[in-house]
Amino acid sequence: QVQLVESGGGLVQPGGSLRLSCAASGSIFYFNAMDWYRQAPGKQREWVASISIDSSTNYADAVKGRFTISRDNAKNTIYLQMKSLKPEDTAVYYCHALRLRPGSEDNYWGQGAQVTVSS
């Protein structure tokens, strides 16, 4: 069973930086793409950034230029480097992985990591 484990969340002041990690229980080459999502209190979960198996990346407009998604294949881990954090970035951040199969897909989620941006 595939497991994704996030780490690196915490409390940071506005303008600060934080790096989240998502470690997979097996090779991340198993997945077609991996993403970060976030869910703020009272809001729906929203997509933040994605990285594909060929390391191409995409970002939500709200984080473009401030967040960077990356992967370390040797460590079976993806990262989300967050800079210039704002209070509105406060949320639980979830790691997600997608594996495509003929006619279907498998989705995997981590347990979430709390990020709080506050002075």
Protein backbone atom coordinates (compact mmCIF):
# COMPACT_ATOMS: atom_id res chain seq x y z
CA GLN A 1 0.00 0.00 0.00
CA VAL A 2 1.39 3.37 -1.03
CA GLN A 3 1.91 5.86 1.77
CA LEU A 4 2.68 9.56 1.57
CA VAL A 5 4.00 11.31 4.66
CA GLU A 6 4.25 15.09 4.86
CA SER A 7 6.56 16.96 7.19
CA GLY A 8 7.92 20.46 7.69
CA GLY A 9 4.80 22.38 8.62
CA GLY A 10 4.68 24.89 11.42
CA LEU A 11 4.20 28.50 12.46
CA VAL A 12 5.97 31.23 10.51
CA GLN A 13 5.72 35.01 10.42
CA PRO A 14 4.44 36.84 7.35
CA GLY A 15 7.23 37.18 4.82
CA GLY A 16 8.95 34.07 6.13
CA SER A 17 9.81 30.79 4.48
CA LEU A 18 9.01 27.15 5.07
CA ARG A 19 9.74 23.92 3.24
CA LEU A 20 7.34 20.99 3.17
CA SER A 21 8.43 17.47 2.35
CA CYS A 22 6.39 14.51 1.15
CA ALA A 23 8.05 11.14 1.40
CA ALA A 24 6.60 8.20 -0.50
CA SER A 25 6.85 4.63 0.74
CA GLY A 26 8.14 3.52 -2.64
CA SER A 27 9.61 4.92 -5.82
CA ILE A 28 7.97 8.14 -6.96
CA PHE A 29 8.51 7.00 -10.54
CA TYR A 30 5.41 4.90 -9.81
CA PHE A 31 3.34 8.08 -10.12
CA ASN A 32 2.52 10.04 -13.25
CA ALA A 33 2.36 13.26 -11.27
CA MET A 34 2.55 14.52 -7.72
CA ASP A 35 0.91 17.62 -6.34
CA TRP A 36 0.43 19.82 -3.33
CA TYR A 37 -3.05 20.89 -2.32
CA ARG A 38 -4.16 23.01 0.62
CA GLN A 39 -7.31 23.52 2.60
CA ALA A 40 -7.93 26.58 4.71
CA PRO A 41 -10.54 26.59 7.50
CA GLY A 42 -14.02 26.82 6.05
CA LYS A 43 -12.80 26.56 2.47
CA GLN A 44 -12.57 23.85 -0.13
CA ARG A 45 -9.35 22.06 -0.83
CA GLU A 46 -7.45 23.80 -3.62
CA TRP A 47 -4.62 22.74 -5.88
CA VAL A 48 -1.32 24.54 -5.26
CA ALA A 49 1.37 23.04 -7.49
CA SER A 50 2.23 19.92 -9.43
CA ILE A 51 5.30 18.15 -10.75
CA SER A 52 5.23 15.46 -13.37
CA ILE A 53 7.44 12.43 -13.87
CA ASP A 54 9.62 14.46 -16.25
CA SER A 55 9.87 17.23 -13.60
CA SER A 56 7.75 19.74 -15.46
CA THR A 57 5.92 21.99 -13.01
CA ASN A 58 2.76 24.04 -12.75
CA TYR A 59 1.54 26.47 -10.12
CA ALA A 60 -1.68 28.10 -9.03
CA ASP A 61 -1.72 31.83 -9.69
CA ALA A 62 -1.94 32.55 -5.95
CA VAL A 63 1.50 31.03 -5.30
CA LYS A 64 3.31 31.54 -8.60
CA GLY A 65 6.67 33.20 -8.02
CA ARG A 66 6.64 32.43 -4.29
CA PHE A 67 6.41 28.63 -4.10
CA THR A 68 8.64 26.06 -5.78
CA ILE A 69 7.83 22.37 -6.15
CA SER A 70 10.68 19.95 -6.69
CA ARG A 71 11.48 16.27 -6.47
CA ASP A 72 14.36 14.10 -5.33
CA ASN A 73 13.95 10.75 -7.04
CA ALA A 74 16.71 9.13 -5.02
CA LYS A 75 14.91 10.00 -1.78
CA ASN A 76 11.40 9.28 -3.14
CA THR A 77 10.43 12.72 -1.91
CA ILE A 78 8.87 15.87 -3.27
CA TYR A 79 9.19 19.29 -1.71
CA LEU A 80 7.32 22.55 -1.59
CA GLN A 81 9.55 25.51 -0.86
CA MET A 82 7.39 28.42 0.26
CA LYS A 83 8.73 31.98 0.42
CA SER A 84 7.19 35.38 1.11
CA LEU A 85 4.44 33.66 3.03
CA LYS A 86 1.19 35.51 3.65
CA PRO A 87 -1.51 34.96 6.28
CA GLU A 88 -3.79 33.73 3.49
CA ASP A 89 -1.36 30.85 2.91
CA THR A 90 -2.45 29.43 6.25
CA ALA A 91 -3.91 25.98 5.61
CA VAL A 92 -3.40 22.27 5.94
CA TYR A 93 -1.17 21.25 3.05
CA TYR A 94 -1.70 17.82 1.50
CA CYS A 95 0.56 15.80 -0.73
CA HIS A 96 -1.18 13.97 -3.55
CA ALA A 97 0.02 11.41 -6.07
CA LEU A 98 -1.63 10.21 -9.25
CA ARG A 99 -1.07 6.96 -11.06
CA LEU A 100 -2.82 6.46 -14.38
CA ARG A 101 -3.94 3.04 -15.49
CA PRO A 102 -5.82 2.09 -18.66
CA GLY A 103 -9.33 3.37 -18.13
CA SER A 104 -8.82 4.43 -14.52
CA GLU A 105 -6.58 6.22 -12.07
CA ASP A 106 -5.34 5.79 -8.53
CA ASN A 107 -5.15 8.76 -6.19
CA TYR A 108 -3.09 8.78 -3.03
CA TRP A 109 -3.13 11.40 -0.25
CA GLY A 110 -0.95 12.19 2.69
CA GLN A 111 -2.27 13.04 6.14
CA GLY A 112 -1.62 16.77 5.83
CA ALA A 113 0.74 19.28 7.39
CA GLN A 114 -0.44 22.44 9.11
CA VAL A 115 1.09 25.71 7.95
CA THR A 116 0.20 28.80 9.95
CA VAL A 117 1.36 32.25 8.85
CA SER A 118 0.86 34.73 11.64
CA SER A 119 2.66 37.42 13.57
